[in-house]
Amino acid sequence: MMIAEFALAFLTTLPNFVYNIYLQITQSIIKSQLRLAQESLWSSISVIMSFTMNVGTFYVYIIVSRPYRRNVRTALCFKQQNQVTSHQTQLQRGTTIQTLGNMTTRL
């Protein structure tokens, strides 16, 4: 799973890294309108690619981890797990105890 996460991080941040280096190298060059439009397009693409890293980690976990899939399925289906119930028990000499999960109190 770590290899998949590393590959995702590398592939999604590489375009933005390369674009920033390109901007620094060509900072002093006079650019035409066409070149500025191309740079703007590549800037948008590199930013979108860097945003996909955040979403990509979710999909890496979904694909690789069975317990994570189970937790997501439970959360999305709104299934209730680990419900705590209350029981009252009558004891000798008229004492009543109430049990709530693992806690017991006398009434």
C-alpha atoms as a PDB file:
ATOM      1  CA  MET A   1       0.000   0.000   0.000  1.00  0.00           C
ATOM      2  CA  MET A   2       2.894   2.357   0.708  1.00  0.00           C
ATOM      3  CA  ILE A   3       4.211   1.845  -2.813  1.00  0.00           C
ATOM      4  CA  ALA A   4       0.809   2.752  -4.256  1.00  0.00           C
ATOM      5  CA  GLU A   5       0.620   5.886  -2.095  1.00  0.00           C
ATOM      6  CA  PHE A   6       4.145   6.920  -3.025  1.00  0.00           C
ATOM      7  CA  ALA A   7       3.445   6.413  -6.732  1.00  0.00           C
ATOM      8  CA  LEU A   8       0.255   8.445  -6.441  1.00  0.00           C
ATOM      9  CA  ALA A   9       2.011  11.279  -4.610  1.00  0.00           C
ATOM     10  CA  PHE A  10       4.880  11.289  -7.099  1.00  0.00           C
ATOM     11  CA  LEU A  11       2.668  11.258 -10.201  1.00  0.00           C
ATOM     12  CA  THR A  12       0.275  13.927  -8.964  1.00  0.00           C
ATOM     13  CA  THR A  13       2.883  16.409  -7.697  1.00  0.00           C
ATOM     14  CA  LEU A  14       5.383  16.011 -10.513  1.00  0.00           C
ATOM     15  CA  PRO A  15       3.512  18.205 -13.079  1.00  0.00           C
ATOM     16  CA  ASN A  16       3.228  21.104 -10.633  1.00  0.00           C
ATOM     17  CA  PHE A  17       6.905  20.730  -9.678  1.00  0.00           C
ATOM     18  CA  VAL A  18       8.013  20.756 -13.336  1.00  0.00           C
ATOM     19  CA  TYR A  19       5.746  23.722 -14.130  1.00  0.00           C
ATOM     20  CA  ASN A  20       7.192  25.771 -11.257  1.00  0.00           C
ATOM     21  CA  ILE A  21      10.745  25.045 -12.400  1.00  0.00           C
ATOM     22  CA  TYR A  22       9.754  26.036 -15.952  1.00  0.00           C
ATOM     23  CA  LEU A  23       8.328  29.329 -14.666  1.00  0.00           C
ATOM     24  CA  GLN A  24      11.533  30.145 -12.809  1.00  0.00           C
ATOM     25  CA  ILE A  25      13.700  29.381 -15.844  1.00  0.00           C
ATOM     26  CA  THR A  26      11.577  31.404 -18.290  1.00  0.00           C
ATOM     27  CA  GLN A  27      10.853  34.292 -15.939  1.00  0.00           C
ATOM     28  CA  SER A  28      13.030  36.775 -17.818  1.00  0.00           C
ATOM     29  CA  ILE A  29      11.825  35.836 -21.314  1.00  0.00           C
ATOM     30  CA  ILE A  30       9.283  38.017 -23.130  1.00  0.00           C
ATOM     31  CA  LYS A  31       6.335  35.765 -24.000  1.00  0.00           C
ATOM     32  CA  SER A  32       3.692  35.995 -26.722  1.00  0.00           C
ATOM     33  CA  GLN A  33      -0.042  35.763 -26.027  1.00  0.00           C
ATOM     34  CA  LEU A  34      -0.093  32.206 -27.362  1.00  0.00           C
ATOM     35  CA  ARG A  35       2.693  31.137 -25.028  1.00  0.00           C
ATOM     36  CA  LEU A  36       0.974  32.801 -22.064  1.00  0.00           C
ATOM     37  CA  ALA A  37      -2.251  30.948 -22.921  1.00  0.00           C
ATOM     38  CA  GLN A  38      -0.353  27.642 -23.142  1.00  0.00           C
ATOM     39  CA  GLU A  39       1.297  28.293 -19.795  1.00  0.00           C
ATOM     40  CA  SER A  40      -2.060  29.094 -18.261  1.00  0.00           C
ATOM     41  CA  LEU A  41      -3.461  25.802 -19.580  1.00  0.00           C
ATOM     42  CA  TRP A  42      -0.527  23.827 -18.191  1.00  0.00           C
ATOM     43  CA  SER A  43      -0.844  25.676 -14.892  1.00  0.00           C
ATOM     44  CA  SER A  44      -4.501  24.657 -14.615  1.00  0.00           C
ATOM     45  CA  ILE A  45      -3.696  21.051 -15.499  1.00  0.00           C
ATOM     46  CA  SER A  46      -0.882  20.847 -12.953  1.00  0.00           C
ATOM     47  CA  VAL A  47      -3.066  22.309 -10.192  1.00  0.00           C
ATOM     48  CA  ILE A  48      -5.869  19.851 -10.960  1.00  0.00           C
ATOM     49  CA  MET A  49      -3.362  17.009 -10.910  1.00  0.00           C
ATOM     50  CA  SER A  50      -2.095  18.105  -7.508  1.00  0.00           C
ATOM     51  CA  PHE A  51      -5.674  18.198  -6.160  1.00  0.00           C
ATOM     52  CA  THR A  52      -6.222  14.614  -7.277  1.00  0.00           C
ATOM     53  CA  MET A  53      -3.642  13.470  -4.736  1.00  0.00           C
ATOM     54  CA  ASN A  54      -6.099  14.219  -1.943  1.00  0.00           C
ATOM     55  CA  VAL A  55      -8.848  12.221  -3.610  1.00  0.00           C
ATOM     56  CA  GLY A  56      -6.444   9.569  -4.832  1.00  0.00           C
ATOM     57  CA  THR A  57      -5.417   8.489  -1.351  1.00  0.00           C
ATOM     58  CA  PHE A  58      -9.064   7.660  -0.632  1.00  0.00           C
ATOM     59  CA  TYR A  59      -9.233   5.451  -3.718  1.00  0.00           C
ATOM     60  CA  VAL A  60      -5.900   3.775  -2.915  1.00  0.00           C
ATOM     61  CA  TYR A  61      -7.236   2.832   0.517  1.00  0.00           C
ATOM     62  CA  ILE A  62     -10.536   1.630  -0.996  1.00  0.00           C
ATOM     63  CA  ILE A  63      -8.719  -0.590  -3.488  1.00  0.00           C
ATOM     64  CA  VAL A  64      -6.064  -1.984  -1.140  1.00  0.00           C
ATOM     65  CA  SER A  65      -7.543  -2.173   2.369  1.00  0.00           C
ATOM     66  CA  ARG A  66     -10.414  -4.541   3.159  1.00  0.00           C
ATOM     67  CA  PRO A  67     -11.062  -3.150   6.701  1.00  0.00           C
ATOM     68  CA  TYR A  68     -11.161   0.406   5.308  1.00  0.00           C
ATOM     69  CA  ARG A  69     -13.727  -0.673   2.686  1.00  0.00           C
ATOM     70  CA  ARG A  70     -15.819  -2.242   5.426  1.00  0.00           C
ATOM     71  CA  ASN A  71     -15.695   0.952   7.516  1.00  0.00           C
ATOM     72  CA  VAL A  72     -16.612   3.146   4.557  1.00  0.00           C
ATOM     73  CA  ARG A  73     -19.479   0.835   3.602  1.00  0.00           C
ATOM     74  CA  THR A  74     -20.756   0.923   7.187  1.00  0.00           C
ATOM     75  CA  ALA A  75     -20.497   4.723   7.323  1.00  0.00           C
ATOM     76  CA  LEU A  76     -22.239   5.235   3.986  1.00  0.00           C
ATOM     77  CA  CYS A  77     -25.035   2.744   4.679  1.00  0.00           C
ATOM     78  CA  PHE A  78     -25.693   4.301   8.107  1.00  0.00           C
ATOM     79  CA  LYS A  79     -25.592   0.941   9.856  1.00  0.00           C
ATOM     80  CA  GLN A  80     -25.638   1.110  13.631  1.00  0.00           C
ATOM     81  CA  GLN A  81     -22.980  -0.950  15.331  1.00  0.00           C
ATOM     82  CA  ASN A  82     -22.083  -1.340  18.975  1.00  0.00           C
ATOM     83  CA  GLN A  83     -25.460  -0.332  20.358  1.00  0.00           C
ATOM     84  CA  VAL A  84     -25.648  -0.102  24.126  1.00  0.00           C
ATOM     85  CA  THR A  85     -28.852  -1.340  25.762  1.00  0.00           C
ATOM     86  CA  SER A  86     -30.187  -0.836  29.262  1.00  0.00           C
ATOM     87  CA  HIS A  87     -31.453  -3.675  31.500  1.00  0.00           C
ATOM     88  CA  GLN A  88     -32.982  -3.488  34.952  1.00  0.00           C
ATOM     89  CA  THR A  89     -32.616  -6.484  37.255  1.00  0.00           C
ATOM     90  CA  GLN A  90     -34.487  -7.078  40.519  1.00  0.00           C
ATOM     91  CA  LEU A  91     -32.210  -8.445  43.252  1.00  0.00           C
ATOM     92  CA  GLN A  92     -32.899  -9.834  46.711  1.00  0.00           C
ATOM     93  CA  ARG A  93     -34.160  -7.452  49.404  1.00  0.00           C
ATOM     94  CA  GLY A  94     -35.823  -5.122  46.888  1.00  0.00           C
ATOM     95  CA  THR A  95     -32.612  -3.666  45.420  1.00  0.00           C
ATOM     96  CA  THR A  96     -32.745  -2.827  41.730  1.00  0.00           C
ATOM     97  CA  ILE A  97     -29.664  -2.494  39.558  1.00  0.00           C
ATOM     98  CA  GLN A  98     -29.523  -1.001  36.106  1.00  0.00           C
ATOM     99  CA  THR A  99     -26.957  -2.276  33.619  1.00  0.00           C
ATOM    100  CA  LEU A 100     -25.899   0.034  30.774  1.00  0.00           C
ATOM    101  CA  GLY A 101     -23.301  -1.650  28.588  1.00  0.00           C
ATOM    102  CA  ASN A 102     -20.431  -2.490  30.964  1.00  0.00           C
ATOM    103  CA  MET A 103     -21.530  -0.090  33.731  1.00  0.00           C
ATOM    104  CA  THR A 104     -23.765  -1.201  36.625  1.00  0.00           C
ATOM    105  CA  THR A 105     -25.546   1.202  38.973  1.00  0.00           C
ATOM    106  CA  ARG A 106     -27.838   0.625  41.950  1.00  0.00           C
ATOM    107  CA  LEU A 107     -31.189   2.339  41.990  1.00  0.00           C
END
